[in-house]
Every structure is written in C-alpha cells, then in structure tokens.
C-alpha cells in the first residue's frame, strides 16, 4: 500500500574518470527508462551526478530501485554509487536542503558499485548541526562533540587567509569555489574514525582528533601539507588566486575551543603559519607573575630601593682587580635582594625605565665619588636615544668627572641607528670616559659598526664563554673575535668565567680581562671594601 507521506531522494554518481559525453548520455537514458513517470522525477545536478525523486513508495521499493540502478555497472562496464533517503514526512519535517544533506552524506559514504540509504532519527535531529554549504558538521556540532570529551583531544582550527579581500575583489562566486576546493582538500586527508572535520564559518574549518596516537600524525600533516603555500588557482578573469591556511592548535579536554582560538589569533597577529596554545594555567600564572614583578619594581623605584651591586673585572696578565661593573638590584623592605632576572624585563617595558636608570646611576656615582676605582655602568640604546637622559648623564659627568667611568652599551637588535651610538661615544669621551660594547657575539654583532664606534672594549657574550670546550666552532669564533679586537686595538673582556678551566682557556686565547663567579659574585659595595 502506498503512503502519501513518503518522499525519497536518490543521488547517483558516476565514479569513472575521465567521463565521456557518451557515458553521460548512456546513464541518462538508462535512468529515464528506469523511473516511473507517475511517481518519479529525474534531474542532472552536476557533471557526473543525477538525482532521482520518488513519491509515496516504501523502503523496499526504494532499495530495489537503487539496486536496479547499479545494474548499469554490469551492463555498460561503469562504476556508479548511490546515496539516498526515504523520509516519512508525517514524522519529520525537512526542507529541501536538509533532505539533500542527508542523501549527499550517504553518497559520500557509499563506495563504488554500492548503495547507502542509512538514515536514522539521530541524523535527522542533528541536521541543525550541519553546514548548509559545505555539508560538514558545523560549529554547533563541534560544541556538542566537545561537551562529550572524557579524555585529552587535539583541536586544530584552520583559517582561510585573504578570504575577505578575495570576496571584495572577485565576488561571492569565487569565494564559494575556494571554499569548495578547501573542503575537498581537507576531506581527502581524513582517513581515521577518531578524526572529525568541521566547517565553523565561511573562513574556518576544524579538525577534532580524539585518539592520542593520531596527534603527531595530524600535526605533521598540517605542518608539511596543509600549511605549505598553496598553488595559485585561476579564475574566469585569468587572475591567480592564492588562499592559504593559518592554524591554531590546542590540546586538552576543557576549554579546548577557546584555547585553539587564542592560538589562532596569536598566529594571525604574529603572521606565523601556526601557534600551539600553551596551557591556560601557565599563561595565567605568567601574567600574574609579570604583574607582580612590575609591582615589586615600581614599589622599589618609588621608595628609592634600586641599589648597585658590584662585580670585579680582573686583568688577565696580573690577576688583579682593575674595575667593577655596577649591576642593578632591588632591595625589599625586608632587606631581601632581588636579582635583575626577576624585574629587568618589566622595567624595560615600563615607561619609568629612564627613571630607573637615573636612580641607579646616581647611586653608582655616589660610590664613584668616595672611592678611587674604575666603574662600568650599563646603558641601553633607549637611554642613548633619549635627550633628557643624555642631559642627565652630562650633568653627572660635569659634577663627578668621567676619567674612571666606562659605559657599557648592550649590543642588541634594538640598535637601529648606529649614528646615535657613535654620537654618544664621542660625547662621553670628551669627559675622559671609556666605552664597551656588551654581549658581543650574541647574534647582532657587526664588525663594520664596531670599527666606526672607536670602542675601548668588547665584552664577549657570556653564552659563548659557557660553551667553550663543548663546541669547537664556538672556540674558533671566540679566538677569531679576540684576534680581530687585537688588530683593531680594542681590548676584550670574557664574561661568565665560572671555573678555573674557563679562565685558563680564555687566557690561552689571548683575552685581556676576565669577569665571572670564579673571580667574584656581584656584591654590595662594602663587601669589596667600597664605601
């Protein structure tokens, strides 16, 4: 008995490649003869796809019709697949898009020469979680799946770059073609049951990987396939279009979507191909620690608790202390001494850094005025580039003199105008000061710039010294810098000399001065007999 509430949709796909026009005609004629004109309609919906609608027929009839369609495989040596649905409209109300989505999903599941009509109530109820355009699970589906997580999962969000610009340039049709192409590209790499592909919005896809053993596989797929530069596509106007991916990745159970989104935003802002989210607790702790460090620093600054410690610099030949480097410390209200590793980055990022330098410098000059010693004072490029700071240095030099002062300028990527550095050196040398470049060899060093600066000292980067005898290339590099300095009449200082072995080695290389824990730690002035 026929039921008026039933409606079936069968999608028929020709799987052979390439498809000749004659093949299309053969399939079309066969389907026309197969359909019942009283209750069926036939449509061609794509180059290699047809759709057959059947009204008011039970499941058995629909299954038999689908199997009859596959007989064409034998008769014409073709390869067809069929996906479809037979819906009881008295139980479910679906629009055309919903109906097509279920049939299309079954077609995707069907293999060559097979039929897939597997439709259940769960799939129908979850149609709201299917993206209409890509026919992939959507943002709602991802939220639902994430809510069911019981163990660690991996989530990758893929952002299609340049899509808004491409939309403005070429229109919606071109953008839709790009999204279709990206959907196929992503669909083709998913071959594991524990991996689900989603379309979150026009610009974003996502992979949810729930098997820990697959994490590395999909990370590698992303790094070495998906995130590689895409080949340009040609549109109808003969323009080449490239739309690559940027990715955000997160691992975990709770808040994994938020974490992946944060990572994606960081990647987009920093223009990196991908970012992996660091554990949220770690980021929270890091932020709290940064705020705490800034608070400690500012309290010390306003209370005048920035103090100088001094570390001896030893002449290599005589073994005698010839100079002290002044190093900043914070003294808390309880008398605790805080090292610069805790607060210096926060100080440099704060607008009060110049006041920090002034406070430190005044206390160094107080020691300088009372003791007949040579002292090294550290300055940053930011200090050298500040007119008010230069006025302050001039004032101090005019008051205290500069014959026993060495200014150490940090060699770093922050120096974007060596003319500023050169002008400062010429300025302080009028007061009898000497100048050193600190952390030379750290990666930003430029021998040409060093020659024009008329330096007195080069301080070898401590990371090089600590690696001596561990890497022969570094040994050769340090030897080369020392020999170069000698030829340029610049004296060298080896920092971070922490053992007798290192001391003997750098002396053998020909270094002029040594500094490090082997000779003395940074200490309060009185420790070294200073007042």
Protein backbone atom coordinates (compact mmCIF):
# COMPACT_ATOMS: atom_id res chain seq x y z
CA UNK A 1 0.00 0.00 0.00
CA UNK A 2 1.30 3.39 -0.98
CA UNK A 3 1.74 6.09 1.68
CA UNK A 4 1.38 9.71 0.64
CA UNK A 5 3.70 10.82 3.47
CA UNK A 6 6.80 9.15 1.96
CA UNK A 7 9.37 11.00 -0.14
CA UNK A 8 12.64 9.53 -1.42
CA UNK A 9 15.73 11.19 -2.90
CA UNK A 10 18.40 9.11 -4.61
CA UNK A 11 21.73 10.66 -5.69
CA UNK A 12 23.59 8.76 -8.40
CA UNK A 13 27.25 9.45 -9.05
CA UNK A 14 29.40 8.24 -11.94
CA UNK A 15 32.76 7.36 -10.40
CA UNK A 16 34.69 6.78 -13.61
CA UNK A 17 37.37 9.28 -14.64
CA UNK A 18 37.51 10.78 -17.17
CA UNK A 19 33.82 10.82 -18.06
CA UNK A 20 32.98 10.92 -21.73
CA UNK A 21 29.86 12.67 -23.03
CA UNK A 22 28.68 9.33 -24.41
CA UNK A 23 28.80 7.86 -20.90
CA UNK A 24 26.65 10.71 -19.56
CA UNK A 25 24.08 10.05 -22.28
CA UNK A 26 24.04 6.29 -21.60
CA UNK A 27 23.42 6.81 -17.88
CA UNK A 28 20.77 9.44 -18.56
CA UNK A 29 18.86 7.18 -20.97
CA UNK A 30 19.04 4.25 -18.57
CA UNK A 31 17.67 6.30 -15.65
CA UNK A 32 14.92 7.75 -17.80
CA UNK A 33 13.76 4.24 -18.70
CA UNK A 34 14.05 3.08 -15.10
CA UNK A 35 11.98 5.80 -13.46
CA UNK A 36 8.21 5.54 -13.10
CA UNK A 37 6.73 8.66 -14.74
CA UNK A 38 3.77 8.57 -12.33
CA UNK A 39 5.80 9.00 -9.15
CA UNK A 40 9.38 9.85 -10.14
CA UNK A 41 11.41 12.80 -11.46
CA UNK A 42 14.98 12.75 -12.83
CA UNK A 43 17.44 15.66 -12.66
CA UNK A 44 21.05 16.16 -13.64
CA UNK A 45 22.64 18.15 -10.77
CA UNK A 46 26.35 18.04 -11.68
CA UNK A 47 28.64 16.90 -14.46
CA UNK A 48 28.77 13.38 -13.03
CA UNK A 49 25.70 13.31 -10.74
CA UNK A 50 21.97 12.73 -11.15
CA UNK A 51 19.12 12.99 -8.66
CA UNK A 52 16.00 10.77 -8.71
CA UNK A 53 12.97 11.67 -6.58
CA UNK A 54 10.33 9.04 -5.78
CA UNK A 55 6.97 9.78 -4.14
CA UNK A 56 4.98 7.53 -1.81
CA UNK A 57 6.97 4.29 -2.02
CA UNK A 58 8.07 2.05 0.85
CA UNK A 59 11.70 1.38 1.73
CA UNK A 60 11.70 -1.98 -0.07
CA UNK A 61 10.74 -0.34 -3.37
CA UNK A 62 13.41 2.37 -2.95
CA UNK A 63 16.08 -0.23 -2.16
CA UNK A 64 15.14 -2.26 -5.21
CA UNK A 65 15.26 0.87 -7.40
CA UNK A 66 18.75 1.71 -6.14
CA UNK A 67 19.96 -1.84 -6.81
CA UNK A 68 18.50 -1.71 -10.30
CA UNK A 69 20.48 1.45 -10.96
CA UNK A 70 23.69 -0.38 -10.06
CA UNK A 71 22.90 -2.99 -12.75
CA UNK A 72 24.15 -0.41 -15.21
CA UNK A 73 27.63 -1.15 -13.86
CA UNK A 74 27.46 -4.64 -15.30
CA UNK A 75 25.64 -3.74 -18.49
CA UNK A 76 27.89 -0.84 -19.51
CA UNK A 77 31.09 -1.60 -17.51
CA UNK A 78 30.62 1.56 -15.47
CA UNK A 79 31.20 2.38 -11.82
CA UNK A 80 28.27 4.04 -10.05
CA UNK A 81 27.48 4.76 -6.41
CA UNK A 82 24.10 5.64 -4.90
CA UNK A 83 23.24 7.50 -1.72
CA UNK A 84 19.77 8.44 -0.65
CA UNK A 85 16.95 8.79 1.85
CA UNK A 86 13.32 7.72 2.07
CA UNK A 87 11.64 10.05 4.53
CA UNK A 88 8.37 9.65 6.41
CA UNK A 89 7.15 13.25 6.29
CA UNK A 90 4.46 12.56 8.87
CA UNK A 91 7.21 12.08 11.46
CA UNK A 92 9.81 14.59 10.25
CA UNK A 93 9.54 17.93 8.57
CA UNK A 94 12.63 18.72 6.50
CA UNK A 95 13.27 21.37 3.91
CA UNK A 96 14.99 20.61 0.62
CA UNK A 97 18.45 21.48 1.94
CA UNK A 98 18.07 19.09 4.88
CA UNK A 99 16.89 16.30 2.64
CA UNK A 100 19.73 16.81 0.19
CA UNK A 101 22.29 16.97 3.02
CA UNK A 102 21.38 13.51 4.30
CA UNK A 103 21.35 11.98 0.81
CA UNK A 104 24.67 13.63 -0.02
CA UNK A 105 26.28 12.36 3.19
CA UNK A 106 25.15 8.83 2.33
CA UNK A 107 26.53 9.25 -1.19
CA UNK A 108 29.87 10.29 0.31
CA UNK A 109 29.86 7.14 2.47
CA UNK A 110 28.99 4.85 -0.44
CA UNK A 111 31.84 3.12 -2.23
CA UNK A 112 31.98 2.37 -5.93
CA UNK A 113 29.22 -0.01 -7.03
CA UNK A 114 27.39 0.26 -3.69
CA UNK A 115 24.20 1.78 -2.26
CA UNK A 116 23.95 3.71 1.03
CA UNK A 117 20.47 4.54 2.35
CA UNK A 118 21.40 4.56 6.03
CA UNK A 119 19.26 7.23 7.69
CA UNK A 120 18.27 7.32 11.33
CA UNK A 121 16.37 9.68 13.59
CA UNK A 122 19.59 10.86 15.27
CA UNK A 123 20.99 12.04 11.95
CA UNK A 124 17.79 13.89 11.11
CA UNK A 125 17.58 15.60 14.50
CA UNK A 126 21.16 16.74 14.11
CA UNK A 127 20.67 18.39 10.72
CA UNK A 128 20.79 21.72 12.57
CA UNK A 129 24.47 20.87 13.19
CA UNK A 130 25.32 20.56 9.50
CA UNK A 131 26.71 23.44 7.47
CA UNK A 132 24.45 24.02 4.50
CA UNK A 133 27.16 24.96 2.05
CA UNK A 134 29.97 22.50 2.76
CA UNK A 135 27.71 19.75 4.16
CA UNK A 136 30.20 19.35 7.02
CA UNK A 137 29.36 19.33 10.75
CA UNK A 138 29.20 22.94 11.87
CA UNK A 139 30.07 25.00 14.94
CA UNK A 140 27.10 23.59 16.87
CA UNK A 141 28.22 20.04 16.16
CA UNK A 142 31.73 20.83 17.39
CA UNK A 143 30.38 22.28 20.64
CA UNK A 144 28.28 19.16 21.17
CA UNK A 145 31.20 16.84 20.47
CA UNK A 146 33.49 18.81 22.77
CA UNK A 147 30.94 18.60 25.58
CA UNK A 148 31.22 14.80 25.39
CA UNK A 149 35.01 14.67 25.70
CA UNK A 150 36.27 12.49 28.53
CA UNK A 151 39.94 12.30 27.61
CA UNK A 152 42.57 14.53 26.03
CA UNK A 153 41.85 15.59 22.45
CA UNK A 154 43.60 17.71 19.85
CA UNK A 155 41.77 20.55 18.12
CA UNK A 156 43.11 22.30 15.02
CA UNK A 157 41.33 25.41 13.73
CA UNK A 158 42.23 26.32 10.17
CA UNK A 159 41.63 29.89 8.99
CA UNK A 160 41.45 30.55 5.25
CA UNK A 161 43.61 33.61 4.68
CA UNK A 162 42.77 36.56 2.43
CA UNK A 163 39.16 35.47 2.01
CA UNK A 164 37.56 38.85 2.74
CA UNK A 165 39.92 40.58 0.32
CA UNK A 166 39.21 37.95 -2.33
CA UNK A 167 35.50 38.44 -1.80
CA UNK A 168 35.85 42.19 -2.35
CA UNK A 169 37.98 41.67 -5.45
CA UNK A 170 36.21 38.79 -7.17
CA UNK A 171 32.80 38.36 -5.53
CA UNK A 172 30.97 35.58 -3.68
CA UNK A 173 31.09 33.05 -6.51
CA UNK A 174 34.88 32.91 -6.48
CA UNK A 175 34.97 32.65 -2.68
CA UNK A 176 32.47 29.80 -2.78
CA UNK A 177 34.66 27.98 -5.30
CA UNK A 178 37.64 28.40 -2.94
CA UNK A 179 35.65 27.02 -0.01
CA UNK A 180 34.52 24.03 -2.07
CA UNK A 181 38.11 23.35 -3.09
CA UNK A 182 39.32 23.65 0.53
CA UNK A 183 36.53 21.35 1.69
CA UNK A 184 37.60 18.68 -0.80
CA UNK A 185 41.25 19.16 0.12
CA UNK A 186 40.57 18.67 3.83
CA UNK A 187 38.08 15.84 3.29
CA UNK A 188 40.69 13.89 1.34
CA UNK A 189 43.15 13.72 4.24
CA UNK A 190 40.70 12.39 6.84
CA UNK A 191 41.00 8.61 6.89
CA UNK A 192 40.63 7.88 10.62
CA UNK A 193 37.39 7.27 12.53
CA UNK A 194 38.64 9.27 15.53
CA UNK A 195 39.04 12.42 13.41
CA UNK A 196 36.15 14.74 12.53
CA UNK A 197 36.25 17.62 10.09
CA UNK A 198 34.02 20.67 10.73
CA UNK A 199 33.19 23.89 8.93
CA UNK A 200 32.83 26.57 11.62
CA UNK A 201 32.09 29.53 9.37
CA UNK A 202 32.96 30.86 5.93
CA UNK A 203 36.63 31.29 6.85
CA UNK A 204 37.32 28.48 9.32
CA UNK A 205 37.49 24.70 9.38
CA UNK A 206 38.43 22.49 12.31
CA UNK A 207 39.79 19.00 12.99
CA UNK A 208 38.95 17.26 16.25
CA UNK A 209 41.29 14.33 16.91
CA UNK A 210 40.18 12.15 19.83
CA UNK A 211 42.82 9.41 19.60
CA UNK A 212 46.09 10.46 21.23
CA UNK A 213 48.02 8.11 18.96
CA UNK A 214 46.99 10.27 15.98
CA UNK A 215 48.11 13.64 17.40
CA UNK A 216 51.57 13.55 15.83
CA UNK A 217 50.21 12.30 12.52
CA UNK A 218 47.86 15.24 12.07
CA UNK A 219 50.38 17.76 13.37
CA UNK A 220 52.80 16.55 10.70
CA UNK A 221 50.06 16.60 8.05
CA UNK A 222 49.33 20.17 8.96
CA UNK A 223 52.97 21.29 9.04
CA UNK A 224 54.09 19.52 5.88
CA UNK A 225 50.95 19.57 3.77
CA UNK A 226 48.09 21.88 4.74
CA UNK A 227 50.25 24.84 5.77
CA UNK A 228 52.56 24.74 2.79
CA UNK A 229 51.99 27.52 0.24
CA UNK A 230 49.00 26.70 -1.96
CA UNK A 231 49.20 26.61 -5.69
CA UNK A 232 47.52 29.58 -7.33
CA UNK A 233 44.08 28.99 -8.80
CA UNK A 234 42.98 30.73 -11.97
CA UNK A 235 39.56 32.32 -12.04
CA UNK A 236 37.43 33.30 -15.00
CA UNK A 237 39.23 36.64 -15.30
CA UNK A 238 42.61 34.90 -15.67
CA UNK A 239 43.73 36.10 -12.26
CA UNK A 240 45.78 33.87 -10.00
CA UNK A 241 44.25 33.39 -6.56
CA UNK A 242 46.05 32.01 -3.52
CA UNK A 243 44.24 31.30 -0.25
CA UNK A 244 46.45 29.58 2.31
CA UNK A 245 45.70 28.37 5.84
CA UNK A 246 46.76 29.70 9.23
CA UNK A 247 46.23 27.35 12.18
CA UNK A 248 45.64 27.47 15.92
CA UNK A 249 46.15 24.25 17.89
CA UNK A 250 45.16 23.22 21.39
CA UNK A 251 45.27 20.03 23.44
CA UNK A 252 43.13 19.04 26.39
CA UNK A 253 39.55 18.39 27.50
CA UNK A 254 38.16 21.63 28.94
CA UNK A 255 38.10 24.99 27.10
CA UNK A 256 39.93 23.46 24.15
CA UNK A 257 37.96 25.52 21.60
CA UNK A 258 38.72 28.80 23.37
CA UNK A 259 42.38 27.83 23.62
CA UNK A 260 42.63 26.95 19.94
CA UNK A 261 41.01 30.26 19.05
CA UNK A 262 43.53 32.16 21.18
CA UNK A 263 46.36 30.33 19.46
CA UNK A 264 44.87 31.14 16.07
CA UNK A 265 44.63 34.85 16.90
CA UNK A 266 48.24 34.86 18.08
CA UNK A 267 49.30 33.21 14.82
CA UNK A 268 47.38 35.73 12.74
CA UNK A 269 48.74 38.73 14.64
CA UNK A 270 52.32 37.47 14.55
CA UNK A 271 51.94 36.31 10.92
CA UNK A 272 53.06 32.79 11.80
CA UNK A 273 51.70 29.75 9.98
CA UNK A 274 50.50 28.24 13.24
CA UNK A 275 50.62 28.59 17.01
CA UNK A 276 50.13 25.94 19.68
CA UNK A 277 48.29 27.11 22.79
CA UNK A 278 50.25 26.94 26.00
CA UNK A 279 48.34 25.61 28.96
CA UNK A 280 45.93 28.28 30.12
CA UNK A 281 47.01 27.95 33.73
CA UNK A 282 50.60 28.59 32.67
CA UNK A 283 49.57 31.72 30.78
CA UNK A 284 47.52 32.89 33.72
CA UNK A 285 50.40 32.31 36.08
CA UNK A 286 52.78 34.04 33.70
CA UNK A 287 50.55 37.10 33.53
CA UNK A 288 50.11 37.18 37.28
CA UNK A 289 53.85 36.86 37.77
CA UNK A 290 54.51 39.67 35.31
CA UNK A 291 52.10 41.95 37.16
CA UNK A 292 53.71 41.00 40.45
CA UNK A 293 57.20 41.72 39.11
CA UNK A 294 56.09 45.11 37.85
CA UNK A 295 54.55 45.88 41.23
CA UNK A 296 57.76 44.93 43.06
CA UNK A 297 59.84 47.01 40.64
CA UNK A 298 57.66 50.13 40.88
CA UNK A 299 57.49 49.95 44.66
CA UNK A 300 61.27 49.79 44.79
CA UNK A 301 61.63 52.62 42.29
CA UNK A 302 59.33 54.97 44.20
CA UNK A 303 60.91 54.03 47.55
CA UNK A 304 64.44 54.53 46.25
CA UNK A 305 65.30 50.85 46.69
CA UNK A 306 67.14 50.39 43.37
CA UNK A 307 70.71 49.74 44.50
CA UNK A 308 74.04 48.92 42.81
CA UNK A 309 75.94 45.71 43.39
CA UNK A 310 79.50 45.39 42.09
CA UNK A 311 81.35 42.57 40.36
CA UNK A 312 85.14 42.67 39.90
CA UNK A 313 86.82 42.68 36.50
CA UNK A 314 90.24 41.03 36.53
CA UNK A 315 93.26 41.82 34.38
CA UNK A 316 94.38 38.58 32.73
CA UNK A 317 98.13 39.15 32.99
CA UNK A 318 98.35 40.35 36.58
CA UNK A 319 95.30 38.68 38.08
CA UNK A 320 94.42 41.95 39.84
CA UNK A 321 91.04 43.64 40.10
CA UNK A 322 91.15 46.72 37.90
CA UNK A 323 87.49 47.66 37.64
CA UNK A 324 84.00 46.90 38.95
CA UNK A 325 80.83 46.56 36.92
CA UNK A 326 77.79 48.12 38.62
CA UNK A 327 74.76 45.82 38.41
CA UNK A 328 71.24 46.79 39.48
CA UNK A 329 69.42 45.06 42.31
CA UNK A 330 66.22 45.71 44.23
CA UNK A 331 66.28 45.74 47.99
CA UNK A 332 62.89 44.99 49.51
CA UNK A 333 61.56 46.40 52.78
CA UNK A 334 62.58 43.15 54.45
CA UNK A 335 66.12 43.52 53.14
CA UNK A 336 65.77 40.81 50.52
CA UNK A 337 67.87 41.36 47.38
CA UNK A 338 66.07 40.80 44.10
CA UNK A 339 68.18 39.99 41.03
CA UNK A 340 67.62 41.70 37.66
CA UNK A 341 66.38 38.47 36.11
CA UNK A 342 63.18 38.99 38.10
CA UNK A 343 62.40 42.62 37.31
CA UNK A 344 64.55 43.93 34.45
CA UNK A 345 62.22 42.93 31.58
CA UNK A 346 59.28 44.51 33.39
CA UNK A 347 61.35 47.65 33.98
CA UNK A 348 62.32 47.93 30.30
CA UNK A 349 58.70 47.59 29.18
CA UNK A 350 57.51 50.23 31.65
CA UNK A 351 57.54 53.96 30.89
CA UNK A 352 59.58 54.56 34.05
CA UNK A 353 62.74 52.83 32.74
CA UNK A 354 64.61 56.09 32.36
CA UNK A 355 63.93 56.99 36.00
CA UNK A 356 65.18 53.54 36.96
CA UNK A 357 68.44 54.22 35.08
CA UNK A 358 68.82 57.63 36.70
CA UNK A 359 68.31 56.28 40.20
CA UNK A 360 70.82 53.52 39.60
CA UNK A 361 73.35 55.89 38.03
CA UNK A 362 73.18 58.40 40.89
CA UNK A 363 73.93 55.71 43.45
CA UNK A 364 76.85 54.46 41.34
CA UNK A 365 78.29 57.97 41.15
CA UNK A 366 77.94 58.23 44.93
CA UNK A 367 80.25 55.20 45.26
CA UNK A 368 82.48 56.52 42.48
CA UNK A 369 82.96 59.83 44.27
CA UNK A 370 84.08 58.16 47.51
CA UNK A 371 86.41 55.51 46.05
CA UNK A 372 89.38 55.73 43.72
CA UNK A 373 88.18 52.93 41.47
CA UNK A 374 87.11 52.37 37.89
CA UNK A 375 83.42 51.54 37.39
CA UNK A 376 81.42 50.26 34.42
CA UNK A 377 77.82 51.48 34.02
CA UNK A 378 75.31 49.76 31.74
CA UNK A 379 73.20 51.73 29.29
CA UNK A 380 70.61 50.62 26.76
CA UNK A 381 70.08 52.01 23.27
CA UNK A 382 66.84 53.52 24.62
CA UNK A 383 68.92 55.53 27.11
CA UNK A 384 71.25 56.76 24.38
CA UNK A 385 68.30 57.82 22.24
CA UNK A 386 66.71 59.93 24.99
CA UNK A 387 67.59 63.66 25.04
CA UNK A 388 66.57 64.00 28.69
CA UNK A 389 68.74 61.02 29.66
CA UNK A 390 71.71 62.48 27.80
CA UNK A 391 71.24 65.78 29.64
CA UNK A 392 71.24 63.87 32.93
CA UNK A 393 74.45 62.00 32.04
CA UNK A 394 76.10 65.28 31.04
CA UNK A 395 75.10 66.82 34.37
CA UNK A 396 76.55 63.87 36.32
CA UNK A 397 79.81 63.86 34.35
CA UNK A 398 80.27 67.57 34.84
CA UNK A 399 79.76 67.13 38.56
CA UNK A 400 81.77 63.95 39.18
CA UNK A 401 84.07 63.68 36.15
CA UNK A 402 84.32 60.65 33.89
CA UNK A 403 88.01 59.62 33.80
CA UNK A 404 87.30 56.36 35.66
CA UNK A 405 83.91 55.60 34.10
CA UNK A 406 83.26 53.03 31.37
CA UNK A 407 79.83 52.99 29.76
CA UNK A 408 78.76 49.54 28.57
CA UNK A 409 76.31 49.61 25.69
CA UNK A 410 74.29 46.45 25.09
CA UNK A 411 74.79 45.06 21.59
CA UNK A 412 71.26 44.07 20.57
CA UNK A 413 68.68 44.13 17.80
CA UNK A 414 67.24 47.31 19.35
CA UNK A 415 70.06 49.37 17.83
CA UNK A 416 68.58 50.62 14.56
CA UNK A 417 70.82 53.69 14.15
CA UNK A 418 74.50 53.31 14.94
CA UNK A 419 74.83 57.05 14.36
CA UNK A 420 73.11 57.55 17.72
CA UNK A 421 75.65 55.24 19.38
CA UNK A 422 78.58 56.95 17.67
CA UNK A 423 77.38 60.41 18.75
CA UNK A 424 77.07 59.23 22.35
CA UNK A 425 80.59 57.79 22.36
CA UNK A 426 82.09 60.98 21.02
CA UNK A 427 80.12 62.95 23.61
CA UNK A 428 81.26 60.96 26.69
CA UNK A 429 84.85 60.65 25.53
CA UNK A 430 85.12 64.42 25.95
CA UNK A 431 84.83 63.74 29.69
CA UNK A 432 87.52 61.05 29.64
CA UNK A 433 85.07 58.13 29.69
CA UNK A 434 85.71 54.80 28.03
CA UNK A 435 83.12 52.73 26.15
CA UNK A 436 82.49 49.00 25.84
CA UNK A 437 80.07 47.01 23.70
CA UNK A 438 78.41 44.38 25.87
CA UNK A 439 77.28 40.89 24.79
CA UNK A 440 79.34 41.00 21.60
CA UNK A 441 78.83 37.84 19.58
CA UNK A 442 75.24 37.37 20.73
CA UNK A 443 73.91 37.36 17.17
CA UNK A 444 73.51 41.06 16.39
CA UNK A 445 77.21 41.95 16.20
CA UNK A 446 78.52 43.85 13.20
CA UNK A 447 82.27 44.25 12.83
CA UNK A 448 81.90 47.17 10.44
CA UNK A 449 79.85 49.11 13.00
CA UNK A 450 82.32 48.24 15.75
CA UNK A 451 85.19 49.82 13.78
CA UNK A 452 83.38 53.14 13.33
CA UNK A 453 82.49 53.40 17.03
CA UNK A 454 86.05 53.89 18.36
CA UNK A 455 85.47 51.42 21.18
CA UNK A 456 87.81 50.72 24.06
CA UNK A 457 86.45 47.26 24.98
CA UNK A 458 84.49 44.38 23.56
CA UNK A 459 82.77 42.22 26.18
CA UNK A 460 82.30 38.70 24.80
CA UNK A 461 78.80 37.35 25.22
CA UNK A 462 78.58 35.05 28.22
CA UNK A 463 76.69 32.38 26.27
CA UNK A 464 79.78 31.92 24.10
CA UNK A 465 82.12 31.60 27.07
CA UNK A 466 79.98 28.96 28.79
CA UNK A 467 80.01 26.85 25.60
CA UNK A 468 83.80 26.81 25.23
CA UNK A 469 85.30 23.31 25.03
CA UNK A 470 81.82 22.00 24.21
CA UNK A 471 81.74 23.21 20.62
CA UNK A 472 84.90 23.66 18.56
CA UNK A 473 83.09 26.12 16.28
CA UNK A 474 82.49 28.40 19.26
CA UNK A 475 86.14 28.02 20.30
CA UNK A 476 87.18 29.18 16.83
CA UNK A 477 84.66 32.04 16.91
CA UNK A 478 85.95 33.35 20.26
CA UNK A 479 89.56 33.08 19.09
CA UNK A 480 88.64 34.99 15.95
CA UNK A 481 86.89 37.81 17.83
CA UNK A 482 89.85 38.21 20.21
CA UNK A 483 92.36 38.32 17.36
CA UNK A 484 90.20 40.77 15.44
CA UNK A 485 89.96 43.03 18.51
CA UNK A 486 93.74 42.99 18.99
CA UNK A 487 94.28 44.06 15.40
CA UNK A 488 91.75 46.86 15.91
CA UNK A 489 93.43 47.89 19.18
CA UNK A 490 90.30 47.02 21.19
CA UNK A 491 90.67 45.16 24.47
CA UNK A 492 88.48 42.15 25.25
CA UNK A 493 86.62 41.05 28.38
CA UNK A 494 85.40 37.47 28.88
CA UNK A 495 82.20 37.35 30.97
CA UNK A 496 80.66 34.35 32.75
CA UNK A 497 84.05 32.86 33.66
CA UNK A 498 82.83 30.47 36.32
CA UNK A 499 85.63 27.89 36.54
CA UNK A 500 89.40 27.72 36.53
CA UNK A 501 89.23 25.70 33.33
CA UNK A 502 87.39 28.51 31.51
CA UNK A 503 89.75 31.11 32.96
CA UNK A 504 92.82 29.23 31.67
CA UNK A 505 91.22 28.70 28.28
CA UNK A 506 90.27 32.32 27.59
CA UNK A 507 93.70 33.43 28.81
CA UNK A 508 95.21 31.00 26.29
CA UNK A 509 93.02 32.60 23.60
CA UNK A 510 94.53 35.97 24.49
CA UNK A 511 91.66 37.74 26.29
CA UNK A 512 92.66 40.88 28.22
CA UNK A 513 90.21 40.85 31.13
CA UNK A 514 88.04 38.29 32.92
CA UNK A 515 84.79 38.57 34.82
CA UNK A 516 82.63 35.91 36.42
CA UNK A 517 81.78 33.95 39.53
CA UNK A 518 85.22 32.31 39.56
CA UNK A 519 86.66 35.72 40.49
CA UNK A 520 83.76 37.14 42.43
CA UNK A 521 79.99 37.37 42.57
CA UNK A 522 78.09 40.67 42.41
CA UNK A 523 78.05 42.02 45.96
CA UNK A 524 77.16 45.11 47.94
CA UNK A 525 79.88 47.83 47.86
CA UNK A 526 81.13 47.15 51.37
CA UNK A 527 81.88 43.52 50.51
CA UNK A 528 84.70 44.74 48.27
CA UNK A 529 85.77 47.42 50.70
CA UNK A 530 83.93 50.22 48.94
CA UNK A 531 82.15 52.96 50.81
